[in-house]
Amino acid sequence: AWTPGLGAKLNYVFFGDNLDTVSNATGGTPVATASFTPPGPLVLVKTYYWRVDEFDGAATHKGNVWSFTTTLPGLGTAVASRWNNIDGTNLNTLKSDPRYPNNPDVVETVTQLAWDGPDTNNYGGRIEAWVYVPATGDYTFWLATDDQGELWLSSDEDSSNVNLIASVPGWASLNQWTKYGSQKSAPIPLVGGEKYYIMARWKEGGGGDHCQVAWEGPGIA
């Protein structure tokens, strides 16, 4: 949808996957309302272009060319949750809190599998998402948290099938991936095109706080 220009009486829509074709096309699909549904299913991870010309009763005014790239719903986001007022650095205090796991105090959407917000004390945190695997092969994961942390990965998209793959028994600084041997997972075979549930949780006592996850494997630069 778009906001029509002042005095517009009719819209002409141009849509396709070639920039030059859409930019130079004439005619277009006449549309009376300021909305348009592309014909047929769109191809995943593909860029499309569209243009709207408007007729004001006297002349047709050519519009700019816009573009978008299709993707999977929710791709590129994760959910971060926090349970406040839990003292200490021991992760077990989060696990045993009656509010965990279903009643967090704070829930927010983040754009990476990491959290490094304003320093906050005495809480437990969790970040969860799905990992979309670009190619079949072995993948390695790393975890860095302040304070204690755990990284869990499912054998599929179901959160009930998770296994512990990495942990931080004390604390690790931002981007400090080798302080403990347990921060690095063993190579894990994953299937390209599939998605896997992943979850990191950590406990913060005082001072700096964060949670970071990194991974490496086929198709990841």
N, C-alpha and C. Protein backbone atom coordinates (compact mmCIF):
# COMPACT_ATOMS: atom_id res chain seq x y z
N ALA A 1 0.83 -1.19 0.00
CA ALA A 1 0.00 0.00 0.00
C ALA A 1 0.87 1.24 0.00
N TRP A 2 0.30 2.35 -0.43
CA TRP A 2 1.01 3.61 -0.48
C TRP A 2 0.03 4.75 -0.27
N THR A 3 0.54 5.94 -0.05
CA THR A 3 -0.31 7.13 0.10
C THR A 3 -0.41 7.81 -1.25
N PRO A 4 -1.61 7.92 -1.82
CA PRO A 4 -1.75 8.51 -3.16
C PRO A 4 -1.45 10.01 -3.13
N GLY A 5 -1.00 10.50 -4.28
CA GLY A 5 -0.74 11.93 -4.40
C GLY A 5 -2.03 12.73 -4.43
N LEU A 6 -1.90 14.03 -4.17
CA LEU A 6 -3.07 14.91 -4.16
C LEU A 6 -3.72 14.95 -5.54
N GLY A 7 -4.99 14.64 -5.60
CA GLY A 7 -5.73 14.70 -6.86
C GLY A 7 -5.62 13.44 -7.71
N ALA A 8 -4.95 12.43 -7.20
CA ALA A 8 -4.81 11.20 -7.99
C ALA A 8 -6.16 10.52 -8.16
N LYS A 9 -6.47 10.15 -9.41
CA LYS A 9 -7.74 9.49 -9.70
C LYS A 9 -7.55 8.01 -10.06
N LEU A 10 -6.36 7.64 -10.53
CA LEU A 10 -6.10 6.26 -10.93
C LEU A 10 -4.61 5.98 -10.80
N ASN A 11 -4.27 4.77 -10.37
CA ASN A 11 -2.88 4.36 -10.21
C ASN A 11 -2.53 3.30 -11.26
N TYR A 12 -1.32 3.35 -11.75
CA TYR A 12 -0.82 2.32 -12.66
C TYR A 12 0.40 1.67 -12.00
N VAL A 13 0.30 0.37 -11.76
CA VAL A 13 1.33 -0.33 -11.01
C VAL A 13 2.19 -1.17 -11.96
N PHE A 14 3.51 -1.11 -11.73
CA PHE A 14 4.48 -1.89 -12.48
C PHE A 14 5.25 -2.75 -11.47
N PHE A 15 5.36 -4.03 -11.74
CA PHE A 15 5.96 -4.95 -10.77
C PHE A 15 6.76 -6.01 -11.50
N GLY A 16 7.95 -6.32 -10.98
CA GLY A 16 8.75 -7.38 -11.58
C GLY A 16 10.06 -7.55 -10.85
N ASP A 17 10.93 -8.44 -11.37
CA ASP A 17 12.20 -8.73 -10.72
C ASP A 17 13.40 -8.15 -11.45
N ASN A 18 13.14 -7.25 -12.41
CA ASN A 18 14.22 -6.60 -13.15
C ASN A 18 14.08 -5.09 -13.04
N LEU A 19 15.11 -4.44 -12.51
CA LEU A 19 15.04 -3.00 -12.26
C LEU A 19 14.80 -2.21 -13.52
N ASP A 20 15.56 -2.48 -14.58
CA ASP A 20 15.42 -1.70 -15.81
C ASP A 20 14.05 -1.89 -16.44
N THR A 21 13.55 -3.13 -16.40
CA THR A 21 12.24 -3.41 -16.99
C THR A 21 11.15 -2.63 -16.28
N VAL A 22 11.16 -2.64 -14.96
CA VAL A 22 10.14 -1.92 -14.20
C VAL A 22 10.29 -0.42 -14.39
N SER A 23 11.52 0.07 -14.43
CA SER A 23 11.75 1.51 -14.56
C SER A 23 11.30 2.04 -15.92
N ASN A 24 11.47 1.25 -16.98
CA ASN A 24 11.20 1.73 -18.33
C ASN A 24 9.86 1.29 -18.89
N ALA A 25 9.11 0.49 -18.13
CA ALA A 25 7.85 -0.06 -18.63
C ALA A 25 6.81 1.03 -18.85
N THR A 26 5.91 0.75 -19.76
CA THR A 26 4.77 1.64 -20.00
C THR A 26 3.49 0.82 -19.85
N GLY A 27 2.37 1.51 -19.70
CA GLY A 27 1.08 0.83 -19.55
C GLY A 27 0.78 0.60 -18.09
N GLY A 28 1.22 -0.53 -17.58
CA GLY A 28 1.00 -0.83 -16.18
C GLY A 28 -0.37 -1.40 -15.90
N THR A 29 -0.56 -1.88 -14.67
CA THR A 29 -1.84 -2.42 -14.23
C THR A 29 -2.66 -1.32 -13.56
N PRO A 30 -3.82 -0.97 -14.11
CA PRO A 30 -4.62 0.09 -13.48
C PRO A 30 -5.22 -0.38 -12.15
N VAL A 31 -5.08 0.43 -11.14
CA VAL A 31 -5.58 0.12 -9.81
C VAL A 31 -6.30 1.34 -9.25
N ALA A 32 -7.53 1.15 -8.83
CA ALA A 32 -8.32 2.28 -8.35
C ALA A 32 -7.97 2.66 -6.92
N THR A 33 -7.52 1.68 -6.11
CA THR A 33 -7.19 1.95 -4.72
C THR A 33 -5.66 1.99 -4.54
N ALA A 34 -5.20 2.49 -3.42
CA ALA A 34 -3.77 2.63 -3.18
C ALA A 34 -3.19 1.37 -2.54
N SER A 35 -3.43 0.24 -3.17
CA SER A 35 -2.87 -1.03 -2.71
C SER A 35 -2.76 -1.97 -3.89
N PHE A 36 -1.86 -2.96 -3.76
CA PHE A 36 -1.61 -3.89 -4.86
C PHE A 36 -1.10 -5.20 -4.30
N THR A 37 -1.62 -6.31 -4.77
CA THR A 37 -1.16 -7.64 -4.37
C THR A 37 -0.41 -8.27 -5.53
N PRO A 38 0.87 -8.59 -5.36
CA PRO A 38 1.64 -9.19 -6.46
C PRO A 38 1.00 -10.50 -6.93
N PRO A 39 1.09 -10.79 -8.21
CA PRO A 39 0.48 -12.02 -8.72
C PRO A 39 1.29 -13.25 -8.33
N GLY A 40 0.59 -14.27 -7.84
CA GLY A 40 1.21 -15.57 -7.56
C GLY A 40 2.18 -15.53 -6.40
N PRO A 41 2.68 -16.70 -5.97
CA PRO A 41 3.66 -16.76 -4.86
C PRO A 41 5.00 -16.17 -5.30
N LEU A 42 5.68 -15.51 -4.38
CA LEU A 42 6.97 -14.92 -4.66
C LEU A 42 8.09 -15.88 -4.27
N VAL A 43 9.23 -15.75 -4.91
CA VAL A 43 10.37 -16.62 -4.66
C VAL A 43 11.10 -16.14 -3.41
N LEU A 44 11.51 -17.08 -2.55
CA LEU A 44 12.20 -16.74 -1.31
C LEU A 44 13.59 -16.17 -1.60
N VAL A 45 13.97 -15.17 -0.82
CA VAL A 45 15.27 -14.49 -0.92
C VAL A 45 15.51 -13.99 -2.34
N LYS A 46 14.59 -13.22 -2.84
CA LYS A 46 14.66 -12.64 -4.18
C LYS A 46 14.23 -11.18 -4.12
N THR A 47 14.88 -10.32 -4.87
CA THR A 47 14.56 -8.90 -4.89
C THR A 47 13.55 -8.59 -5.98
N TYR A 48 12.50 -7.86 -5.62
CA TYR A 48 11.47 -7.42 -6.56
C TYR A 48 11.40 -5.90 -6.59
N TYR A 49 10.95 -5.38 -7.72
CA TYR A 49 10.87 -3.93 -7.93
C TYR A 49 9.44 -3.55 -8.26
N TRP A 50 9.03 -2.35 -7.84
CA TRP A 50 7.69 -1.89 -8.14
C TRP A 50 7.68 -0.37 -8.31
N ARG A 51 6.73 0.07 -9.11
CA ARG A 51 6.59 1.49 -9.41
C ARG A 51 5.12 1.82 -9.53
N VAL A 52 4.73 2.99 -9.08
CA VAL A 52 3.34 3.43 -9.19
C VAL A 52 3.31 4.77 -9.92
N ASP A 53 2.65 4.81 -11.07
CA ASP A 53 2.36 6.06 -11.76
C ASP A 53 0.95 6.50 -11.41
N GLU A 54 0.71 7.80 -11.34
CA GLU A 54 -0.61 8.29 -10.96
C GLU A 54 -1.17 9.24 -12.01
N PHE A 55 -2.45 9.03 -12.29
CA PHE A 55 -3.19 9.85 -13.27
C PHE A 55 -4.13 10.77 -12.49
N ASP A 56 -4.01 12.09 -12.74
CA ASP A 56 -4.82 13.06 -11.99
C ASP A 56 -6.00 13.60 -12.77
N GLY A 57 -6.30 12.95 -13.91
CA GLY A 57 -7.41 13.39 -14.75
C GLY A 57 -6.94 14.16 -15.96
N ALA A 58 -5.72 14.67 -15.90
CA ALA A 58 -5.18 15.43 -17.02
C ALA A 58 -3.87 14.86 -17.52
N ALA A 59 -3.04 14.36 -16.61
CA ALA A 59 -1.73 13.85 -16.99
C ALA A 59 -1.35 12.68 -16.08
N THR A 60 -0.45 11.84 -16.59
CA THR A 60 0.08 10.73 -15.81
C THR A 60 1.47 11.11 -15.30
N HIS A 61 1.68 10.91 -13.99
CA HIS A 61 2.94 11.28 -13.36
C HIS A 61 3.70 10.01 -12.98
N LYS A 62 4.92 9.87 -13.51
CA LYS A 62 5.72 8.67 -13.29
C LYS A 62 6.28 8.66 -11.87
N GLY A 63 6.17 7.50 -11.21
CA GLY A 63 6.67 7.37 -9.84
C GLY A 63 8.08 6.81 -9.79
N ASN A 64 8.65 6.83 -8.60
CA ASN A 64 9.97 6.24 -8.37
C ASN A 64 9.87 4.72 -8.33
N VAL A 65 11.00 4.05 -8.54
CA VAL A 65 11.06 2.59 -8.43
C VAL A 65 11.51 2.23 -7.01
N TRP A 66 10.75 1.35 -6.38
CA TRP A 66 11.06 0.86 -5.04
C TRP A 66 11.38 -0.62 -5.11
N SER A 67 12.01 -1.14 -4.08
CA SER A 67 12.37 -2.57 -4.10
C SER A 67 12.21 -3.17 -2.71
N PHE A 68 12.08 -4.49 -2.68
CA PHE A 68 12.11 -5.25 -1.43
C PHE A 68 12.64 -6.64 -1.74
N THR A 69 13.16 -7.30 -0.70
CA THR A 69 13.68 -8.66 -0.83
C THR A 69 12.88 -9.58 0.08
N THR A 70 12.37 -10.65 -0.48
CA THR A 70 11.56 -11.59 0.30
C THR A 70 12.44 -12.34 1.30
N THR A 71 11.84 -12.71 2.41
CA THR A 71 12.55 -13.45 3.44
C THR A 71 11.55 -14.27 4.24
N LEU A 72 12.05 -15.04 5.19
CA LEU A 72 11.19 -15.84 6.04
C LEU A 72 10.63 -15.01 7.17
N PRO A 73 9.39 -15.27 7.61
CA PRO A 73 8.82 -14.51 8.74
C PRO A 73 9.70 -14.64 9.98
N GLY A 74 10.04 -13.51 10.59
CA GLY A 74 10.83 -13.51 11.80
C GLY A 74 12.32 -13.67 11.61
N LEU A 75 12.77 -13.84 10.35
CA LEU A 75 14.20 -14.01 10.10
C LEU A 75 14.95 -12.75 10.50
N GLY A 76 16.06 -12.93 11.21
CA GLY A 76 16.85 -11.79 11.62
C GLY A 76 16.48 -11.22 12.98
N THR A 77 15.60 -11.91 13.71
CA THR A 77 15.22 -11.43 15.03
C THR A 77 15.29 -12.57 16.04
N ALA A 78 15.44 -12.18 17.30
CA ALA A 78 15.41 -13.13 18.42
C ALA A 78 14.63 -12.47 19.55
N VAL A 79 14.21 -13.27 20.51
CA VAL A 79 13.45 -12.75 21.65
C VAL A 79 14.31 -12.82 22.90
N ALA A 80 14.50 -11.65 23.54
CA ALA A 80 15.27 -11.57 24.78
C ALA A 80 14.32 -11.32 25.94
N SER A 81 14.47 -12.10 26.99
CA SER A 81 13.62 -11.99 28.19
C SER A 81 14.49 -11.80 29.42
N ARG A 82 13.92 -11.13 30.42
CA ARG A 82 14.68 -10.88 31.65
C ARG A 82 13.79 -11.05 32.87
N TRP A 83 14.36 -11.70 33.89
CA TRP A 83 13.69 -11.88 35.18
C TRP A 83 14.47 -11.08 36.22
N ASN A 84 13.88 -10.03 36.74
CA ASN A 84 14.57 -9.11 37.63
C ASN A 84 14.57 -9.60 39.09
N ASN A 85 15.41 -8.95 39.88
CA ASN A 85 15.45 -9.16 41.34
C ASN A 85 15.79 -10.59 41.73
N ILE A 86 16.81 -11.13 41.07
CA ILE A 86 17.35 -12.44 41.44
C ILE A 86 18.83 -12.22 41.76
N ASP A 87 19.19 -12.37 43.00
CA ASP A 87 20.55 -12.03 43.45
C ASP A 87 21.59 -13.06 43.00
N GLY A 88 22.84 -12.60 42.93
CA GLY A 88 23.96 -13.49 42.72
C GLY A 88 24.28 -13.80 41.27
N THR A 89 25.28 -14.66 41.10
CA THR A 89 25.78 -15.01 39.77
C THR A 89 25.46 -16.45 39.38
N ASN A 90 24.88 -17.22 40.27
CA ASN A 90 24.62 -18.64 40.02
C ASN A 90 23.39 -18.79 39.13
N LEU A 91 23.59 -19.42 37.98
CA LEU A 91 22.50 -19.59 37.02
C LEU A 91 21.35 -20.42 37.58
N ASN A 92 21.62 -21.28 38.52
CA ASN A 92 20.56 -22.11 39.09
C ASN A 92 19.49 -21.28 39.79
N THR A 93 19.85 -20.08 40.25
CA THR A 93 18.84 -19.23 40.91
C THR A 93 17.80 -18.74 39.91
N LEU A 94 18.18 -18.60 38.65
CA LEU A 94 17.20 -18.27 37.62
C LEU A 94 16.31 -19.48 37.35
N LYS A 95 16.91 -20.64 37.19
CA LYS A 95 16.15 -21.85 36.86
C LYS A 95 15.14 -22.20 37.94
N SER A 96 15.46 -21.89 39.21
CA SER A 96 14.57 -22.25 40.31
C SER A 96 13.58 -21.15 40.66
N ASP A 97 13.68 -19.99 40.02
CA ASP A 97 12.75 -18.91 40.30
C ASP A 97 11.35 -19.30 39.81
N PRO A 98 10.31 -19.11 40.61
CA PRO A 98 8.96 -19.54 40.20
C PRO A 98 8.44 -18.83 38.95
N ARG A 99 9.01 -17.70 38.61
CA ARG A 99 8.58 -16.98 37.41
C ARG A 99 9.17 -17.55 36.13
N TYR A 100 10.24 -18.33 36.27
CA TYR A 100 10.93 -18.87 35.10
C TYR A 100 10.33 -20.22 34.70
N PRO A 101 10.06 -20.48 33.43
CA PRO A 101 10.45 -19.67 32.27
C PRO A 101 9.33 -18.83 31.65
N ASN A 102 8.12 -18.90 32.21
CA ASN A 102 6.96 -18.37 31.49
C ASN A 102 6.54 -16.95 31.85
N ASN A 103 7.13 -16.37 32.90
CA ASN A 103 6.66 -15.05 33.34
C ASN A 103 7.80 -14.07 33.54
N PRO A 104 8.45 -13.65 32.46
CA PRO A 104 9.54 -12.68 32.59
C PRO A 104 9.02 -11.28 32.90
N ASP A 105 9.91 -10.46 33.45
CA ASP A 105 9.55 -9.06 33.73
C ASP A 105 9.68 -8.19 32.49
N VAL A 106 10.62 -8.55 31.61
CA VAL A 106 10.88 -7.75 30.41
C VAL A 106 11.02 -8.69 29.22
N VAL A 107 10.39 -8.36 28.11
CA VAL A 107 10.53 -9.11 26.86
C VAL A 107 10.77 -8.11 25.74
N GLU A 108 11.79 -8.35 24.94
CA GLU A 108 12.06 -7.46 23.82
C GLU A 108 12.57 -8.24 22.62
N THR A 109 12.43 -7.66 21.44
CA THR A 109 12.94 -8.25 20.21
C THR A 109 14.30 -7.67 19.91
N VAL A 110 15.26 -8.53 19.61
CA VAL A 110 16.60 -8.09 19.26
C VAL A 110 16.94 -8.61 17.87
N THR A 111 17.93 -7.99 17.23
CA THR A 111 18.25 -8.33 15.84
C THR A 111 19.47 -9.22 15.70
N GLN A 112 19.99 -9.71 16.80
CA GLN A 112 21.05 -10.71 16.76
C GLN A 112 20.97 -11.56 18.02
N LEU A 113 21.65 -12.68 18.00
CA LEU A 113 21.61 -13.58 19.16
C LEU A 113 22.60 -13.06 20.19
N ALA A 114 22.28 -11.90 20.74
CA ALA A 114 23.14 -11.23 21.71
C ALA A 114 22.34 -10.17 22.44
N TRP A 115 22.81 -9.87 23.66
CA TRP A 115 22.22 -8.77 24.44
C TRP A 115 23.34 -8.07 25.18
N ASP A 116 23.44 -6.75 24.99
CA ASP A 116 24.43 -5.94 25.69
C ASP A 116 23.83 -4.57 25.95
N GLY A 117 22.71 -4.56 26.66
CA GLY A 117 22.02 -3.32 26.96
C GLY A 117 22.66 -2.58 28.12
N PRO A 118 21.97 -1.58 28.65
CA PRO A 118 22.50 -0.84 29.80
C PRO A 118 22.77 -1.79 30.97
N ASP A 119 23.88 -1.55 31.68
CA ASP A 119 24.25 -2.43 32.80
C ASP A 119 23.13 -2.51 33.82
N THR A 120 22.74 -3.73 34.14
CA THR A 120 21.67 -4.00 35.10
C THR A 120 22.15 -5.09 36.05
N ASN A 121 21.80 -5.01 37.29
CA ASN A 121 22.29 -5.97 38.30
C ASN A 121 21.19 -6.93 38.75
N ASN A 122 21.63 -8.10 39.18
CA ASN A 122 20.77 -9.09 39.85
C ASN A 122 19.52 -9.46 39.04
N TYR A 123 19.77 -10.09 37.91
CA TYR A 123 18.69 -10.60 37.07
C TYR A 123 19.15 -11.87 36.36
N GLY A 124 18.21 -12.57 35.76
CA GLY A 124 18.51 -13.68 34.88
C GLY A 124 17.95 -13.39 33.51
N GLY A 125 18.66 -13.80 32.46
CA GLY A 125 18.22 -13.49 31.10
C GLY A 125 18.19 -14.71 30.21
N ARG A 126 17.42 -14.57 29.13
CA ARG A 126 17.33 -15.65 28.13
C ARG A 126 17.14 -15.01 26.76
N ILE A 127 17.83 -15.56 25.77
CA ILE A 127 17.61 -15.19 24.37
C ILE A 127 17.28 -16.47 23.62
N GLU A 128 16.21 -16.44 22.83
CA GLU A 128 15.84 -17.63 22.07
C GLU A 128 15.45 -17.24 20.65
N ALA A 129 15.70 -18.18 19.73
CA ALA A 129 15.42 -17.93 18.32
C ALA A 129 15.48 -19.26 17.58
N TRP A 130 15.33 -19.17 16.27
CA TRP A 130 15.61 -20.31 15.40
C TRP A 130 16.83 -19.98 14.56
N VAL A 131 17.70 -20.96 14.43
CA VAL A 131 18.83 -20.85 13.52
C VAL A 131 18.43 -21.44 12.18
N TYR A 132 18.53 -20.64 11.11
CA TYR A 132 18.25 -21.13 9.76
C TYR A 132 19.58 -21.51 9.12
N VAL A 133 19.73 -22.76 8.76
CA VAL A 133 21.01 -23.29 8.31
C VAL A 133 21.18 -23.09 6.80
N PRO A 134 22.26 -22.41 6.38
CA PRO A 134 22.41 -22.11 4.95
C PRO A 134 22.85 -23.30 4.11
N ALA A 135 23.60 -24.24 4.69
CA ALA A 135 24.09 -25.39 3.93
C ALA A 135 24.35 -26.56 4.88
N THR A 136 24.23 -27.75 4.37
CA THR A 136 24.46 -28.94 5.18
C THR A 136 25.94 -29.08 5.54
N GLY A 137 26.20 -29.38 6.81
CA GLY A 137 27.58 -29.55 7.25
C GLY A 137 27.70 -29.45 8.75
N ASP A 138 28.93 -29.41 9.24
CA ASP A 138 29.20 -29.32 10.67
C ASP A 138 29.33 -27.85 11.08
N TYR A 139 28.68 -27.50 12.17
CA TYR A 139 28.71 -26.13 12.69
C TYR A 139 29.23 -26.12 14.12
N THR A 140 29.97 -25.07 14.45
CA THR A 140 30.49 -24.88 15.80
C THR A 140 29.92 -23.60 16.39
N PHE A 141 29.56 -23.65 17.67
CA PHE A 141 28.96 -22.52 18.35
C PHE A 141 29.83 -22.09 19.52
N TRP A 142 29.78 -20.78 19.84
CA TRP A 142 30.51 -20.23 20.98
C TRP A 142 29.56 -19.39 21.82
N LEU A 143 29.86 -19.29 23.12
CA LEU A 143 29.05 -18.51 24.04
C LEU A 143 29.96 -17.64 24.91
N ALA A 144 29.57 -16.37 25.08
CA ALA A 144 30.27 -15.47 26.01
C ALA A 144 29.21 -14.74 26.83
N THR A 145 29.24 -14.93 28.16
CA THR A 145 28.24 -14.29 29.02
C THR A 145 28.91 -13.72 30.27
N ASP A 146 28.23 -12.78 30.87
CA ASP A 146 28.61 -12.22 32.16
C ASP A 146 27.33 -12.08 32.96
N ASP A 147 27.07 -12.96 33.99
CA ASP A 147 28.06 -13.89 34.54
C ASP A 147 27.85 -15.30 33.92
N GLN A 148 27.49 -16.28 34.74
CA GLN A 148 27.34 -17.65 34.26
C GLN A 148 26.35 -17.74 33.10
N GLY A 149 26.60 -18.69 32.18
CA GLY A 149 25.69 -18.85 31.05
C GLY A 149 25.69 -20.25 30.49
N GLU A 150 24.65 -20.56 29.74
CA GLU A 150 24.51 -21.85 29.04
C GLU A 150 23.94 -21.60 27.65
N LEU A 151 24.36 -22.44 26.71
CA LEU A 151 23.83 -22.40 25.34
C LEU A 151 23.24 -23.76 25.00
N TRP A 152 21.98 -23.75 24.57
CA TRP A 152 21.25 -24.97 24.26
C TRP A 152 20.80 -24.94 22.80
N LEU A 153 20.91 -26.08 22.12
CA LEU A 153 20.48 -26.21 20.73
C LEU A 153 19.61 -27.44 20.58
N SER A 154 18.52 -27.29 19.86
CA SER A 154 17.61 -28.42 19.64
C SER A 154 18.07 -29.24 18.43
N SER A 155 17.62 -30.47 18.38
CA SER A 155 17.89 -31.33 17.23
C SER A 155 16.95 -31.01 16.07
N ASP A 156 15.99 -30.12 16.32
CA ASP A 156 15.07 -29.67 15.28
C ASP A 156 14.50 -28.32 15.72
N GLU A 157 13.34 -27.95 15.21
CA GLU A 157 12.75 -26.65 15.55
C GLU A 157 12.00 -26.66 16.87
N ASP A 158 11.87 -27.80 17.50
CA ASP A 158 11.10 -27.94 18.74
C ASP A 158 11.98 -27.63 19.96
N SER A 159 11.54 -26.71 20.79
CA SER A 159 12.32 -26.31 21.96
C SER A 159 12.45 -27.41 23.01
N SER A 160 11.62 -28.43 22.94
CA SER A 160 11.69 -29.51 23.94
C SER A 160 12.81 -30.50 23.65
N ASN A 161 13.47 -30.36 22.51
CA ASN A 161 14.52 -31.31 22.13
C ASN A 161 15.92 -30.73 22.26
N VAL A 162 16.10 -29.79 23.18
CA VAL A 162 17.39 -29.11 23.30
C VAL A 162 18.44 -29.95 24.03
N ASN A 163 19.69 -29.68 23.69
CA ASN A 163 20.84 -30.25 24.37
C ASN A 163 21.81 -29.13 24.72
N LEU A 164 22.46 -29.24 25.86
CA LEU A 164 23.46 -28.26 26.27
C LEU A 164 24.71 -28.43 25.41
N ILE A 165 25.13 -27.34 24.74
CA ILE A 165 26.28 -27.46 23.83
C ILE A 165 27.45 -26.58 24.23
N ALA A 166 27.24 -25.59 25.11
CA ALA A 166 28.34 -24.73 25.55
C ALA A 166 27.92 -24.05 26.85
N SER A 167 28.93 -23.60 27.61
CA SER A 167 28.61 -22.96 28.89
C SER A 167 29.75 -22.05 29.33
N VAL A 168 29.41 -21.11 30.21
CA VAL A 168 30.39 -20.23 30.85
C VAL A 168 30.24 -20.45 32.36
N PRO A 169 31.21 -21.07 33.02
CA PRO A 169 31.07 -21.37 34.45
C PRO A 169 31.31 -20.18 35.36
N GLY A 170 31.96 -19.14 34.86
CA GLY A 170 32.22 -17.95 35.66
C GLY A 170 31.68 -16.72 34.96
N TRP A 171 32.55 -16.04 34.23
CA TRP A 171 32.12 -14.94 33.37
C TRP A 171 33.16 -14.75 32.29
N ALA A 172 32.73 -14.23 31.14
CA ALA A 172 33.64 -13.94 30.03
C ALA A 172 33.29 -12.56 29.48
N SER A 173 34.30 -11.81 29.11
CA SER A 173 34.09 -10.47 28.57
C SER A 173 33.46 -10.53 27.17
N LEU A 174 33.00 -9.39 26.67
CA LEU A 174 32.48 -9.32 25.31
C LEU A 174 33.54 -9.80 24.33
N ASN A 175 33.14 -10.67 23.42
CA ASN A 175 34.02 -11.21 22.38
C ASN A 175 35.17 -12.05 22.94
N GLN A 176 35.07 -12.47 24.17
CA GLN A 176 36.08 -13.36 24.76
C GLN A 176 35.58 -14.80 24.66
N TRP A 177 36.01 -15.49 23.61
CA TRP A 177 35.42 -16.78 23.26
C TRP A 177 36.24 -17.96 23.77
N THR A 178 37.42 -17.72 24.34
CA THR A 178 38.31 -18.85 24.67
C THR A 178 38.76 -18.85 26.13
N LYS A 179 38.09 -18.13 27.00
CA LYS A 179 38.46 -18.12 28.42
C LYS A 179 38.27 -19.49 29.05
N TYR A 180 37.19 -20.17 28.67
CA TYR A 180 36.91 -21.52 29.17
C TYR A 180 36.74 -22.46 27.97
N GLY A 181 37.24 -23.67 28.10
CA GLY A 181 37.06 -24.63 27.02
C GLY A 181 35.60 -24.94 26.74
N SER A 182 34.77 -24.81 27.77
CA SER A 182 33.34 -25.14 27.62
C SER A 182 32.57 -24.11 26.82
N GLN A 183 33.21 -22.97 26.51
CA GLN A 183 32.50 -21.94 25.72
C GLN A 183 32.28 -22.37 24.28
N LYS A 184 33.05 -23.32 23.81
CA LYS A 184 33.00 -23.77 22.42
C LYS A 184 32.33 -25.14 22.34
N SER A 185 31.38 -25.27 21.42
CA SER A 185 30.70 -26.55 21.25
C SER A 185 31.55 -27.50 20.42
N ALA A 186 31.21 -28.77 20.48
CA ALA A 186 31.76 -29.73 19.52
C ALA A 186 31.12 -29.46 18.17
N PRO A 187 31.73 -29.90 17.06
CA PRO A 187 31.08 -29.76 15.75
C PRO A 187 29.73 -30.47 15.74
N ILE A 188 28.72 -29.77 15.24
CA ILE A 188 27.35 -30.31 15.25
C ILE A 188 26.84 -30.37 13.81
N PRO A 189 26.47 -31.56 13.32
CA PRO A 189 25.95 -31.66 11.95
C PRO A 189 24.53 -31.10 11.86
N LEU A 190 24.32 -30.19 10.92
CA LEU A 190 23.02 -29.59 10.69
C LEU A 190 22.68 -29.68 9.21
N VAL A 191 21.39 -29.66 8.89
CA VAL A 191 20.92 -29.85 7.52
C VAL A 191 20.54 -28.50 6.91
N GLY A 192 21.08 -28.22 5.75
CA GLY A 192 20.78 -26.98 5.06
C GLY A 192 19.30 -26.83 4.75
N GLY A 193 18.78 -25.61 4.94
CA GLY A 193 17.37 -25.34 4.69
C GLY A 193 16.46 -25.62 5.86
N GLU A 194 16.99 -26.27 6.90
CA GLU A 194 16.20 -26.55 8.09
C GLU A 194 16.43 -25.46 9.14
N LYS A 195 15.51 -25.37 10.10
CA LYS A 195 15.69 -24.43 11.20
C LYS A 195 15.75 -25.21 12.52
N TYR A 196 16.54 -24.67 13.45
CA TYR A 196 16.78 -25.33 14.74
C TYR A 196 16.57 -24.31 15.86
N TYR A 197 15.85 -24.72 16.87
CA TYR A 197 15.65 -23.84 18.03
C TYR A 197 16.96 -23.72 18.80
N ILE A 198 17.29 -22.48 19.21
CA ILE A 198 18.50 -22.23 19.98
C ILE A 198 18.15 -21.29 21.13
N MET A 199 18.79 -21.50 22.28
CA MET A 199 18.47 -20.69 23.46
C MET A 199 19.73 -20.51 24.31
N ALA A 200 19.99 -19.27 24.69
CA ALA A 200 21.06 -18.97 25.64
C ALA A 200 20.43 -18.34 26.87
N ARG A 201 20.94 -18.71 28.04
CA ARG A 201 20.46 -18.07 29.25
C ARG A 201 21.66 -17.75 30.13
N TRP A 202 21.54 -16.69 30.90
CA TRP A 202 22.66 -16.26 31.71
C TRP A 202 22.17 -15.60 32.99
N LYS A 203 23.07 -15.50 33.96
CA LYS A 203 22.76 -14.89 35.24
C LYS A 203 23.71 -13.74 35.51
N GLU A 204 23.17 -12.61 35.89
CA GLU A 204 23.97 -11.42 36.20
C GLU A 204 23.86 -11.08 37.67
N GLY A 205 25.04 -10.88 38.28
CA GLY A 205 25.09 -10.42 39.66
C GLY A 205 25.25 -8.92 39.71
N GLY A 206 26.47 -8.43 39.47
CA GLY A 206 26.71 -6.99 39.47
C GLY A 206 27.78 -6.64 38.46
N GLY A 207 27.91 -5.34 38.16
CA GLY A 207 28.89 -4.89 37.17
C GLY A 207 28.39 -5.05 35.76
N GLY A 208 29.33 -5.26 34.82
CA GLY A 208 28.96 -5.42 33.42
C GLY A 208 28.13 -6.68 33.20
N ASP A 209 27.34 -6.67 32.15
CA ASP A 209 26.50 -7.84 31.84
C ASP A 209 26.23 -7.91 30.35
N HIS A 210 26.20 -9.14 29.83
CA HIS A 210 25.94 -9.35 28.41
C HIS A 210 25.76 -10.84 28.14
N CYS A 211 25.29 -11.11 26.94
CA CYS A 211 25.21 -12.49 26.43
C CYS A 211 25.47 -12.43 24.93
N GLN A 212 26.39 -13.26 24.45
CA GLN A 212 26.74 -13.30 23.03
C GLN A 212 26.82 -14.75 22.55
N VAL A 213 26.34 -14.98 21.33
CA VAL A 213 26.46 -16.29 20.69
C VAL A 213 27.08 -16.08 19.31
N ALA A 214 28.03 -16.93 18.97
CA ALA A 214 28.62 -16.91 17.63
C ALA A 214 28.59 -18.33 17.06
N TRP A 215 28.59 -18.42 15.73
CA TRP A 215 28.64 -19.75 15.12
C TRP A 215 29.42 -19.70 13.83
N GLU A 216 29.89 -20.86 13.41
CA GLU A 216 30.75 -20.97 12.23
C GLU A 216 30.43 -22.28 11.53
N GLY A 217 30.42 -22.23 10.19
CA GLY A 217 30.14 -23.43 9.42
C GLY A 217 29.96 -23.09 7.95
N PRO A 218 29.56 -24.06 7.13
CA PRO A 218 29.38 -23.83 5.69
C PRO A 218 28.40 -22.68 5.42
N GLY A 219 28.79 -21.78 4.54
CA GLY A 219 27.89 -20.69 4.15
C GLY A 219 27.89 -19.51 5.10
N ILE A 220 28.74 -19.54 6.14
CA ILE A 220 28.81 -18.43 7.08
C ILE A 220 30.17 -17.78 6.95
N ALA A 221 30.19 -16.49 6.57
CA ALA A 221 31.45 -15.79 6.38
C ALA A 221 32.04 -15.41 7.74
